[in-house]
Amino acid sequence: TQSTWGKHFKMWLRQVSSRAALPKRVWGHNHPHNKYYEEWAYRRDNLYEEFKFDAKTIRGIAIWVIGVPGLIWWGFKEERKHTVARQKVQRQLALEAEEANSS
């Protein structure tokens, strides 16, 4: 038998060692001895059933995914256009004022 300290040390060592990244025995739902294994395996093998979208849904998602960023981009573009026009006008006014001052 081992001391509690020894056991804990071994556990810690397994956690920090690189080989523990892929443990040899995993007793989760993916283990054949687990009572939920068959259910889990069925769901794993039939995942595509849960994520079946009809054409309408796909079209809707596509419209949102493309449309919303598109509208945002369009808004910024329009805003920029007006900003540039305003800057142009202001530059022209500044030039005219400078000419009036110099004369």
PDB file of N, CA and C in Angstrom:
ATOM      1  N   THR A   1       0.843  -1.210   0.000  1.00  0.00           N
ATOM      2  CA  THR A   1       0.000   0.000   0.000  1.00  0.00           C
ATOM      3  C   THR A   1       0.874   1.254   0.000  1.00  0.00           C
ATOM      4  N   GLN A   2       0.286   2.342  -0.540  1.00  0.00           N
ATOM      5  CA  GLN A   2       1.019   3.597  -0.619  1.00  0.00           C
ATOM      6  C   GLN A   2       0.444   4.593   0.368  1.00  0.00           C
ATOM      7  N   SER A   3       1.270   5.561   0.733  1.00  0.00           N
ATOM      8  CA  SER A   3       0.763   6.628   1.594  1.00  0.00           C
ATOM      9  C   SER A   3      -0.144   7.547   0.781  1.00  0.00           C
ATOM     10  N   THR A   4      -0.999   8.258   1.477  1.00  0.00           N
ATOM     11  CA  THR A   4      -1.891   9.201   0.805  1.00  0.00           C
ATOM     12  C   THR A   4      -1.078  10.235   0.036  1.00  0.00           C
ATOM     13  N   TRP A   5       0.027  10.662   0.661  1.00  0.00           N
ATOM     14  CA  TRP A   5       0.885  11.646   0.020  1.00  0.00           C
ATOM     15  C   TRP A   5       1.410  11.128  -1.310  1.00  0.00           C
ATOM     16  N   GLY A   6       1.858   9.851  -1.277  1.00  0.00           N
ATOM     17  CA  GLY A   6       2.395   9.241  -2.486  1.00  0.00           C
ATOM     18  C   GLY A   6       1.353   9.195  -3.592  1.00  0.00           C
ATOM     19  N   LYS A   7       0.119   8.825  -3.220  1.00  0.00           N
ATOM     20  CA  LYS A   7      -0.958   8.752  -4.209  1.00  0.00           C
ATOM     21  C   LYS A   7      -1.231  10.120  -4.816  1.00  0.00           C
ATOM     22  N   HIS A   8      -1.304  11.110  -3.919  1.00  0.00           N
ATOM     23  CA  HIS A   8      -1.580  12.456  -4.404  1.00  0.00           C
ATOM     24  C   HIS A   8      -0.450  12.979  -5.276  1.00  0.00           C
ATOM     25  N   PHE A   9       0.763  12.645  -4.870  1.00  0.00           N
ATOM     26  CA  PHE A   9       1.915  13.068  -5.668  1.00  0.00           C
ATOM     27  C   PHE A   9       1.855  12.459  -7.061  1.00  0.00           C
ATOM     28  N   LYS A  10       1.501  11.153  -7.106  1.00  0.00           N
ATOM     29  CA  LYS A  10       1.405  10.476  -8.401  1.00  0.00           C
ATOM     30  C   LYS A  10       0.319  11.114  -9.270  1.00  0.00           C
ATOM     31  N   MET A  11      -0.818  11.433  -8.635  1.00  0.00           N
ATOM     32  CA  MET A  11      -1.903  12.076  -9.368  1.00  0.00           C
ATOM     33  C   MET A  11      -1.457  13.420  -9.933  1.00  0.00           C
ATOM     34  N   TRP A  12      -0.766  14.186  -9.073  1.00  0.00           N
ATOM     35  CA  TRP A  12      -0.271  15.495  -9.498  1.00  0.00           C
ATOM     36  C   TRP A  12       0.713  15.350 -10.654  1.00  0.00           C
ATOM     37  N   LEU A  13       1.576  14.356 -10.520  1.00  0.00           N
ATOM     38  CA  LEU A  13       2.591  14.116 -11.539  1.00  0.00           C
ATOM     39  C   LEU A  13       1.925  13.771 -12.874  1.00  0.00           C
ATOM     40  N   ARG A  14       0.882  12.940 -12.813  1.00  0.00           N
ATOM     41  CA  ARG A  14       0.165  12.580 -14.031  1.00  0.00           C
ATOM     42  C   ARG A  14      -0.494  13.793 -14.673  1.00  0.00           C
ATOM     43  N   GLN A  15      -1.009  14.698 -13.814  1.00  0.00           N
ATOM     44  CA  GLN A  15      -1.673  15.883 -14.353  1.00  0.00           C
ATOM     45  C   GLN A  15      -0.685  16.814 -15.045  1.00  0.00           C
ATOM     46  N   VAL A  16       0.484  17.005 -14.421  1.00  0.00           N
ATOM     47  CA  VAL A  16       1.430  17.968 -14.974  1.00  0.00           C
ATOM     48  C   VAL A  16       2.302  17.368 -16.079  1.00  0.00           C
ATOM     49  N   SER A  17       2.415  16.055 -16.134  1.00  0.00           N
ATOM     50  CA  SER A  17       3.255  15.461 -17.172  1.00  0.00           C
ATOM     51  C   SER A  17       2.546  15.532 -18.512  1.00  0.00           C
ATOM     52  N   SER A  18       3.317  15.622 -19.579  1.00  0.00           N
ATOM     53  CA  SER A  18       2.738  15.812 -20.909  1.00  0.00           C
ATOM     54  C   SER A  18       1.974  14.566 -21.378  1.00  0.00           C
ATOM     55  N   ARG A  19       2.379  13.406 -20.869  1.00  0.00           N
ATOM     56  CA  ARG A  19       1.736  12.169 -21.325  1.00  0.00           C
ATOM     57  C   ARG A  19       0.300  12.062 -20.838  1.00  0.00           C
ATOM     58  N   ALA A  20      -0.056  12.844 -19.825  1.00  0.00           N
ATOM     59  CA  ALA A  20      -1.403  12.762 -19.275  1.00  0.00           C
ATOM     60  C   ALA A  20      -2.424  13.492 -20.150  1.00  0.00           C
ATOM     61  N   ALA A  21      -1.934  14.155 -21.213  1.00  0.00           N
ATOM     62  CA  ALA A  21      -2.843  14.889 -22.089  1.00  0.00           C
ATOM     63  C   ALA A  21      -3.883  13.947 -22.702  1.00  0.00           C
ATOM     64  N   LEU A  22      -3.460  12.734 -23.059  1.00  0.00           N
ATOM     65  CA  LEU A  22      -4.397  11.744 -23.580  1.00  0.00           C
ATOM     66  C   LEU A  22      -4.390  10.549 -22.632  1.00  0.00           C
ATOM     67  N   PRO A  23      -5.255  10.560 -21.626  1.00  0.00           N
ATOM     68  CA  PRO A  23      -5.237   9.483 -20.636  1.00  0.00           C
ATOM     69  C   PRO A  23      -5.608   8.139 -21.251  1.00  0.00           C
ATOM     70  N   LYS A  24      -5.080   7.061 -20.675  1.00  0.00           N
ATOM     71  CA  LYS A  24      -5.329   5.728 -21.226  1.00  0.00           C
ATOM     72  C   LYS A  24      -6.760   5.294 -20.966  1.00  0.00           C
ATOM     73  N   ARG A  25      -7.259   5.588 -19.781  1.00  0.00           N
ATOM     74  CA  ARG A  25      -8.612   5.157 -19.436  1.00  0.00           C
ATOM     75  C   ARG A  25      -9.487   6.364 -19.138  1.00  0.00           C
ATOM     76  N   VAL A  26     -10.569   6.477 -19.892  1.00  0.00           N
ATOM     77  CA  VAL A  26     -11.508   7.572 -19.664  1.00  0.00           C
ATOM     78  C   VAL A  26     -12.855   6.953 -19.351  1.00  0.00           C
ATOM     79  N   TRP A  27     -13.406   7.271 -18.188  1.00  0.00           N
ATOM     80  CA  TRP A  27     -14.664   6.660 -17.779  1.00  0.00           C
ATOM     81  C   TRP A  27     -15.846   7.602 -17.984  1.00  0.00           C
ATOM     82  N   GLY A  28     -15.806   8.389 -19.062  1.00  0.00           N
ATOM     83  CA  GLY A  28     -16.925   9.255 -19.378  1.00  0.00           C
ATOM     84  C   GLY A  28     -17.964   8.507 -20.178  1.00  0.00           C
ATOM     85  N   HIS A  29     -18.867   9.246 -20.826  1.00  0.00           N
ATOM     86  CA  HIS A  29     -19.914   8.616 -21.630  1.00  0.00           C
ATOM     87  C   HIS A  29     -19.354   7.891 -22.835  1.00  0.00           C
ATOM     88  N   ASN A  30     -18.099   8.196 -23.197  1.00  0.00           N
ATOM     89  CA  ASN A  30     -17.523   7.524 -24.367  1.00  0.00           C
ATOM     90  C   ASN A  30     -16.863   6.203 -24.005  1.00  0.00           C
ATOM     91  N   HIS A  31     -17.025   5.766 -22.769  1.00  0.00           N
ATOM     92  CA  HIS A  31     -16.441   4.487 -22.379  1.00  0.00           C
ATOM     93  C   HIS A  31     -17.495   3.386 -22.499  1.00  0.00           C
ATOM     94  N   PRO A  32     -17.176   2.282 -23.185  1.00  0.00           N
ATOM     95  CA  PRO A  32     -18.167   1.226 -23.424  1.00  0.00           C
ATOM     96  C   PRO A  32     -18.792   0.648 -22.153  1.00  0.00           C
ATOM     97  N   HIS A  33     -18.106   0.722 -21.001  1.00  0.00           N
ATOM     98  CA  HIS A  33     -18.691   0.173 -19.779  1.00  0.00           C
ATOM     99  C   HIS A  33     -19.712   1.108 -19.157  1.00  0.00           C
ATOM    100  N   ASN A  34     -19.750   2.362 -19.645  1.00  0.00           N
ATOM    101  CA  ASN A  34     -20.673   3.329 -19.065  1.00  0.00           C
ATOM    102  C   ASN A  34     -22.086   3.012 -19.511  1.00  0.00           C
ATOM    103  N   LYS A  35     -23.045   3.185 -18.591  1.00  0.00           N
ATOM    104  CA  LYS A  35     -24.423   2.801 -18.921  1.00  0.00           C
ATOM    105  C   LYS A  35     -25.053   3.732 -19.952  1.00  0.00           C
ATOM    106  N   TYR A  36     -24.477   4.915 -20.153  1.00  0.00           N
ATOM    107  CA  TYR A  36     -25.012   5.833 -21.151  1.00  0.00           C
ATOM    108  C   TYR A  36     -24.314   5.689 -22.497  1.00  0.00           C
ATOM    109  N   TYR A  37     -23.402   4.692 -22.594  1.00  0.00           N
ATOM    110  CA  TYR A  37     -22.559   4.610 -23.789  1.00  0.00           C
ATOM    111  C   TYR A  37     -23.362   4.471 -25.075  1.00  0.00           C
ATOM    112  N   GLU A  38     -24.369   3.573 -25.059  1.00  0.00           N
ATOM    113  CA  GLU A  38     -25.112   3.320 -26.296  1.00  0.00           C
ATOM    114  C   GLU A  38     -25.841   4.572 -26.760  1.00  0.00           C
ATOM    115  N   GLU A  39     -26.465   5.268 -25.813  1.00  0.00           N
ATOM    116  CA  GLU A  39     -27.170   6.507 -26.131  1.00  0.00           C
ATOM    117  C   GLU A  39     -26.189   7.532 -26.707  1.00  0.00           C
ATOM    118  N   TRP A  40     -25.029   7.622 -26.032  1.00  0.00           N
ATOM    119  CA  TRP A  40     -24.015   8.579 -26.463  1.00  0.00           C
ATOM    120  C   TRP A  40     -23.513   8.252 -27.866  1.00  0.00           C
ATOM    121  N   ALA A  41     -23.248   6.962 -28.100  1.00  0.00           N
ATOM    122  CA  ALA A  41     -22.735   6.536 -29.400  1.00  0.00           C
ATOM    123  C   ALA A  41     -23.773   6.803 -30.483  1.00  0.00           C
ATOM    124  N   TYR A  42     -25.056   6.550 -30.160  1.00  0.00           N
ATOM    125  CA  TYR A  42     -26.118   6.805 -31.130  1.00  0.00           C
ATOM    126  C   TYR A  42     -26.157   8.283 -31.488  1.00  0.00           C
ATOM    127  N   ARG A  43     -26.095   9.139 -30.470  1.00  0.00           N
ATOM    128  CA  ARG A  43     -26.146  10.581 -30.726  1.00  0.00           C
ATOM    129  C   ARG A  43     -24.904  11.041 -31.488  1.00  0.00           C
ATOM    130  N   ARG A  44     -23.743  10.430 -31.145  1.00  0.00           N
ATOM    131  CA  ARG A  44     -22.514  10.781 -31.841  1.00  0.00           C
ATOM    132  C   ARG A  44     -22.601  10.419 -33.317  1.00  0.00           C
ATOM    133  N   ASP A  45     -23.155   9.235 -33.588  1.00  0.00           N
ATOM    134  CA  ASP A  45     -23.200   8.762 -34.974  1.00  0.00           C
ATOM    135  C   ASP A  45     -24.331   9.397 -35.770  1.00  0.00           C
ATOM    136  N   ASN A  46     -25.312  10.012 -35.088  1.00  0.00           N
ATOM    137  CA  ASN A  46     -26.427  10.613 -35.803  1.00  0.00           C
ATOM    138  C   ASN A  46     -26.533  12.108 -35.557  1.00  0.00           C
ATOM    139  N   LEU A  47     -25.361  12.738 -35.360  1.00  0.00           N
ATOM    140  CA  LEU A  47     -25.354  14.177 -35.103  1.00  0.00           C
ATOM    141  C   LEU A  47     -25.970  14.946 -36.250  1.00  0.00           C
ATOM    142  N   TYR A  48     -25.738  14.467 -37.478  1.00  0.00           N
ATOM    143  CA  TYR A  48     -26.236  15.195 -38.645  1.00  0.00           C
ATOM    144  C   TYR A  48     -27.756  15.297 -38.629  1.00  0.00           C
ATOM    145  N   GLU A  49     -28.421  14.326 -37.951  1.00  0.00           N
ATOM    146  CA  GLU A  49     -29.881  14.376 -37.858  1.00  0.00           C
ATOM    147  C   GLU A  49     -30.324  15.603 -37.066  1.00  0.00           C
ATOM    148  N   GLU A  50     -29.533  15.953 -36.043  1.00  0.00           N
ATOM    149  CA  GLU A  50     -29.912  17.075 -35.194  1.00  0.00           C
ATOM    150  C   GLU A  50     -29.661  18.410 -35.872  1.00  0.00           C
ATOM    151  N   PHE A  51     -28.768  18.440 -36.856  1.00  0.00           N
ATOM    152  CA  PHE A  51     -28.414  19.703 -37.486  1.00  0.00           C
ATOM    153  C   PHE A  51     -28.836  19.736 -38.943  1.00  0.00           C
ATOM    154  N   LYS A  52     -30.017  19.197 -39.222  1.00  0.00           N
ATOM    155  CA  LYS A  52     -30.541  19.253 -40.583  1.00  0.00           C
ATOM    156  C   LYS A  52     -31.350  20.537 -40.734  1.00  0.00           C
ATOM    157  N   PHE A  53     -30.971  21.381 -41.678  1.00  0.00           N
ATOM    158  CA  PHE A  53     -31.719  22.599 -41.938  1.00  0.00           C
ATOM    159  C   PHE A  53     -32.383  22.498 -43.297  1.00  0.00           C
ATOM    160  N   ASP A  54     -33.623  22.976 -43.391  1.00  0.00           N
ATOM    161  CA  ASP A  54     -34.254  23.025 -44.705  1.00  0.00           C
ATOM    162  C   ASP A  54     -33.736  24.252 -45.448  1.00  0.00           C
ATOM    163  N   ALA A  55     -34.035  24.296 -46.766  1.00  0.00           N
ATOM    164  CA  ALA A  55     -33.513  25.354 -47.623  1.00  0.00           C
ATOM    165  C   ALA A  55     -33.924  26.733 -47.118  1.00  0.00           C
ATOM    166  N   LYS A  56     -35.164  26.839 -46.632  1.00  0.00           N
ATOM    167  CA  LYS A  56     -35.688  28.123 -46.165  1.00  0.00           C
ATOM    168  C   LYS A  56     -34.847  28.661 -45.004  1.00  0.00           C
ATOM    169  N   THR A  57     -34.543  27.770 -44.048  1.00  0.00           N
ATOM    170  CA  THR A  57     -33.744  28.164 -42.882  1.00  0.00           C
ATOM    171  C   THR A  57     -32.353  28.621 -43.321  1.00  0.00           C
ATOM    172  N   ILE A  58     -31.742  27.840 -44.206  1.00  0.00           N
ATOM    173  CA  ILE A  58     -30.397  28.171 -44.679  1.00  0.00           C
ATOM    174  C   ILE A  58     -30.409  29.526 -45.377  1.00  0.00           C
ATOM    175  N   ARG A  59     -31.451  29.748 -46.198  1.00  0.00           N
ATOM    176  CA  ARG A  59     -31.562  31.020 -46.904  1.00  0.00           C
ATOM    177  C   ARG A  59     -31.700  32.166 -45.900  1.00  0.00           C
ATOM    178  N   GLY A  60     -32.531  31.946 -44.870  1.00  0.00           N
ATOM    179  CA  GLY A  60     -32.715  32.972 -43.851  1.00  0.00           C
ATOM    180  C   GLY A  60     -31.423  33.314 -43.139  1.00  0.00           C
ATOM    181  N   ILE A  61     -30.679  32.283 -42.751  1.00  0.00           N
ATOM    182  CA  ILE A  61     -29.400  32.489 -42.070  1.00  0.00           C
ATOM    183  C   ILE A  61     -28.432  33.234 -42.985  1.00  0.00           C
ATOM    184  N   ALA A  62     -28.382  32.820 -44.253  1.00  0.00           N
ATOM    185  CA  ALA A  62     -27.471  33.444 -45.213  1.00  0.00           C
ATOM    186  C   ALA A  62     -27.805  34.924 -45.383  1.00  0.00           C
ATOM    187  N   ILE A  63     -29.105  35.242 -45.473  1.00  0.00           N
ATOM    188  CA  ILE A  63     -29.517  36.641 -45.639  1.00  0.00           C
ATOM    189  C   ILE A  63     -29.063  37.470 -44.452  1.00  0.00           C
ATOM    190  N   TRP A  64     -29.228  36.929 -43.244  1.00  0.00           N
ATOM    191  CA  TRP A  64     -28.815  37.666 -42.048  1.00  0.00           C
ATOM    192  C   TRP A  64     -27.302  37.814 -42.000  1.00  0.00           C
ATOM    193  N   VAL A  65     -26.597  36.705 -42.273  1.00  0.00           N
ATOM    194  CA  VAL A  65     -25.131  36.712 -42.161  1.00  0.00           C
ATOM    195  C   VAL A  65     -24.507  37.679 -43.166  1.00  0.00           C
ATOM    196  N   ILE A  66     -25.091  37.749 -44.363  1.00  0.00           N
ATOM    197  CA  ILE A  66     -24.546  38.651 -45.376  1.00  0.00           C
ATOM    198  C   ILE A  66     -25.152  40.047 -45.238  1.00  0.00           C
ATOM    199  N   GLY A  67     -26.448  40.104 -44.935  1.00  0.00           N
ATOM    200  CA  GLY A  67     -27.185  41.362 -44.955  1.00  0.00           C
ATOM    201  C   GLY A  67     -26.818  42.323 -43.852  1.00  0.00           C
ATOM    202  N   VAL A  68     -26.724  41.836 -42.625  1.00  0.00           N
ATOM    203  CA  VAL A  68     -26.491  42.749 -41.499  1.00  0.00           C
ATOM    204  C   VAL A  68     -25.119  43.431 -41.621  1.00  0.00           C
ATOM    205  N   PRO A  69     -24.024  42.669 -41.810  1.00  0.00           N
ATOM    206  CA  PRO A  69     -22.737  43.352 -42.004  1.00  0.00           C
ATOM    207  C   PRO A  69     -22.762  44.242 -43.244  1.00  0.00           C
ATOM    208  N   GLY A  70     -23.489  43.812 -44.282  1.00  0.00           N
ATOM    209  CA  GLY A  70     -23.591  44.606 -45.505  1.00  0.00           C
ATOM    210  C   GLY A  70     -24.248  45.941 -45.243  1.00  0.00           C
ATOM    211  N   LEU A  71     -25.345  45.912 -44.481  1.00  0.00           N
ATOM    212  CA  LEU A  71     -26.043  47.158 -44.149  1.00  0.00           C
ATOM    213  C   LEU A  71     -25.163  48.073 -43.303  1.00  0.00           C
ATOM    214  N   ILE A  72     -24.449  47.488 -42.349  1.00  0.00           N
ATOM    215  CA  ILE A  72     -23.545  48.279 -41.504  1.00  0.00           C
ATOM    216  C   ILE A  72     -22.476  48.936 -42.372  1.00  0.00           C
ATOM    217  N   TRP A  73     -21.884  48.149 -43.273  1.00  0.00           N
ATOM    218  CA  TRP A  73     -20.853  48.664 -44.166  1.00  0.00           C
ATOM    219  C   TRP A  73     -21.404  49.786 -45.037  1.00  0.00           C
ATOM    220  N   TRP A  74     -22.624  49.580 -45.563  1.00  0.00           N
ATOM    221  CA  TRP A  74     -23.250  50.581 -46.426  1.00  0.00           C
ATOM    222  C   TRP A  74     -23.471  51.884 -45.662  1.00  0.00           C
ATOM    223  N   GLY A  75     -23.915  51.765 -44.399  1.00  0.00           N
ATOM    224  CA  GLY A  75     -24.129  52.945 -43.572  1.00  0.00           C
ATOM    225  C   GLY A  75     -22.845  53.732 -43.369  1.00  0.00           C
ATOM    226  N   PHE A  76     -21.759  53.023 -43.075  1.00  0.00           N
ATOM    227  CA  PHE A  76     -20.480  53.689 -42.880  1.00  0.00           C
ATOM    228  C   PHE A  76     -20.007  54.354 -44.162  1.00  0.00           C
ATOM    229  N   LYS A  77     -20.240  53.672 -45.291  1.00  0.00           N
ATOM    230  CA  LYS A  77     -19.847  54.196 -46.600  1.00  0.00           C
ATOM    231  C   LYS A  77     -20.565  55.512 -46.873  1.00  0.00           C
ATOM    232  N   GLU A  78     -21.888  55.525 -46.653  1.00  0.00           N
ATOM    233  CA  GLU A  78     -22.681  56.735 -46.872  1.00  0.00           C
ATOM    234  C   GLU A  78     -22.184  57.868 -45.973  1.00  0.00           C
ATOM    235  N   GLU A  79     -21.953  57.523 -44.708  1.00  0.00           N
ATOM    236  CA  GLU A  79     -21.483  58.507 -43.734  1.00  0.00           C
ATOM    237  C   GLU A  79     -20.176  59.122 -44.203  1.00  0.00           C
ATOM    238  N   ARG A  80     -19.280  58.280 -44.690  1.00  0.00           N
ATOM    239  CA  ARG A  80     -17.976  58.723 -45.160  1.00  0.00           C
ATOM    240  C   ARG A  80     -18.127  59.673 -46.344  1.00  0.00           C
ATOM    241  N   LYS A  81     -19.057  59.324 -47.241  1.00  0.00           N
ATOM    242  CA  LYS A  81     -19.305  60.133 -48.426  1.00  0.00           C
ATOM    243  C   LYS A  81     -19.680  61.564 -48.029  1.00  0.00           C
ATOM    244  N   HIS A  82     -20.610  61.674 -47.081  1.00  0.00           N
ATOM    245  CA  HIS A  82     -21.050  62.986 -46.611  1.00  0.00           C
ATOM    246  C   HIS A  82     -19.913  63.728 -45.922  1.00  0.00           C
ATOM    247  N   THR A  83     -19.138  62.974 -45.131  1.00  0.00           N
ATOM    248  CA  THR A  83     -18.006  63.584 -44.423  1.00  0.00           C
ATOM    249  C   THR A  83     -17.024  64.192 -45.418  1.00  0.00           C
ATOM    250  N   VAL A  84     -16.713  63.429 -46.466  1.00  0.00           N
ATOM    251  CA  VAL A  84     -15.757  63.898 -47.471  1.00  0.00           C
ATOM    252  C   VAL A  84     -16.298  65.143 -48.158  1.00  0.00           C
ATOM    253  N   ALA A  85     -17.585  65.137 -48.493  1.00  0.00           N
ATOM    254  CA  ALA A  85     -18.197  66.293 -49.140  1.00  0.00           C
ATOM    255  C   ALA A  85     -18.112  67.521 -48.236  1.00  0.00           C
ATOM    256  N   ARG A  86     -18.405  67.320 -46.941  1.00  0.00           N
ATOM    257  CA  ARG A  86     -18.361  68.414 -45.980  1.00  0.00           C
ATOM    258  C   ARG A  86     -16.943  68.970 -45.887  1.00  0.00           C
ATOM    259  N   GLN A  87     -15.963  68.067 -45.839  1.00  0.00           N
ATOM    260  CA  GLN A  87     -14.562  68.500 -45.757  1.00  0.00           C
ATOM    261  C   GLN A  87     -14.167  69.317 -46.990  1.00  0.00           C
ATOM    262  N   LYS A  88     -14.666  68.886 -48.147  1.00  0.00           N
ATOM    263  CA  LYS A  88     -14.387  69.576 -49.403  1.00  0.00           C
ATOM    264  C   LYS A  88     -14.902  71.010 -49.335  1.00  0.00           C
ATOM    265  N   VAL A  89     -16.158  71.138 -48.888  1.00  0.00           N
ATOM    266  CA  VAL A  89     -16.788  72.461 -48.768  1.00  0.00           C
ATOM    267  C   VAL A  89     -16.007  73.334 -47.796  1.00  0.00           C
ATOM    268  N   GLN A  90     -15.655  72.751 -46.641  1.00  0.00           N
ATOM    269  CA  GLN A  90     -14.937  73.518 -45.625  1.00  0.00           C
ATOM    270  C   GLN A  90     -13.570  73.973 -46.130  1.00  0.00           C
ATOM    271  N   ARG A  91     -12.900  73.105 -46.887  1.00  0.00           N
ATOM    272  CA  ARG A  91     -11.593  73.443 -47.446  1.00  0.00           C
ATOM    273  C   ARG A  91     -11.730  74.630 -48.410  1.00  0.00           C
ATOM    274  N   GLN A  92     -12.764  74.538 -49.230  1.00  0.00           N
ATOM    275  CA  GLN A  92     -13.023  75.607 -50.203  1.00  0.00           C
ATOM    276  C   GLN A  92     -13.292  76.935 -49.486  1.00  0.00           C
ATOM    277  N   LEU A  93     -14.142  76.870 -48.443  1.00  0.00           N
ATOM    278  CA  LEU A  93     -14.467  78.076 -47.668  1.00  0.00           C
ATOM    279  C   LEU A  93     -13.213  78.650 -47.014  1.00  0.00           C
ATOM    280  N   ALA A  94     -12.359  77.770 -46.475  1.00  0.00           N
ATOM    281  CA  ALA A  94     -11.128  78.207 -45.823  1.00  0.00           C
ATOM    282  C   ALA A  94     -10.220  78.914 -46.828  1.00  0.00           C
ATOM    283  N   LEU A  95     -10.124  78.340 -48.043  1.00  0.00           N
ATOM    284  CA  LEU A  95      -9.294  78.945 -49.089  1.00  0.00           C
ATOM    285  C   LEU A  95      -9.817  80.330 -49.445  1.00  0.00           C
ATOM    286  N   GLU A  96     -11.146  80.431 -49.599  1.00  0.00           N
ATOM    287  CA  GLU A  96     -11.756  81.714 -49.959  1.00  0.00           C
ATOM    288  C   GLU A  96     -11.520  82.755 -48.871  1.00  0.00           C
ATOM    289  N   ALA A  97     -11.649  82.314 -47.608  1.00  0.00           N
ATOM    290  CA  ALA A  97     -11.431  83.233 -46.488  1.00  0.00           C
ATOM    291  C   ALA A  97      -9.981  83.716 -46.469  1.00  0.00           C
ATOM    292  N   GLU A  98      -9.057  82.797 -46.759  1.00  0.00           N
ATOM    293  CA  GLU A  98      -7.632  83.146 -46.774  1.00  0.00           C
ATOM    294  C   GLU A  98      -7.352  84.166 -47.860  1.00  0.00           C
ATOM    295  N   GLU A  99      -7.972  83.961 -49.034  1.00  0.00           N
ATOM    296  CA  GLU A  99      -7.799  84.877 -50.154  1.00  0.00           C
ATOM    297  C   GLU A  99      -8.341  86.255 -49.775  1.00  0.00           C
ATOM    298  N   ALA A 100      -9.490  86.275 -49.104  1.00  0.00           N
ATOM    299  CA  ALA A 100     -10.102  87.550 -48.702  1.00  0.00           C
ATOM    300  C   ALA A 100      -9.223  88.260 -47.682  1.00  0.00           C
ATOM    301  N   ASN A 101      -8.583  87.487 -46.796  1.00  0.00           N
ATOM    302  CA  ASN A 101      -7.721  88.071 -45.772  1.00  0.00           C
ATOM    303  C   ASN A 101      -6.452  88.651 -46.398  1.00  0.00           C
ATOM    304  N   SER A 102      -5.882  87.939 -47.342  1.00  0.00           N
ATOM    305  CA  SER A 102      -4.611  88.349 -47.936  1.00  0.00           C
ATOM    306  C   SER A 102      -4.774  89.607 -48.796  1.00  0.00           C
ATOM    307  N   SER A 103      -5.924  89.736 -49.423  1.00  0.00           N
ATOM    308  CA  SER A 103      -6.139  90.908 -50.300  1.00  0.00           C
ATOM    309  C   SER A 103      -6.375  92.203 -49.522  1.00  0.00           C
TER     310      SER A 103
END
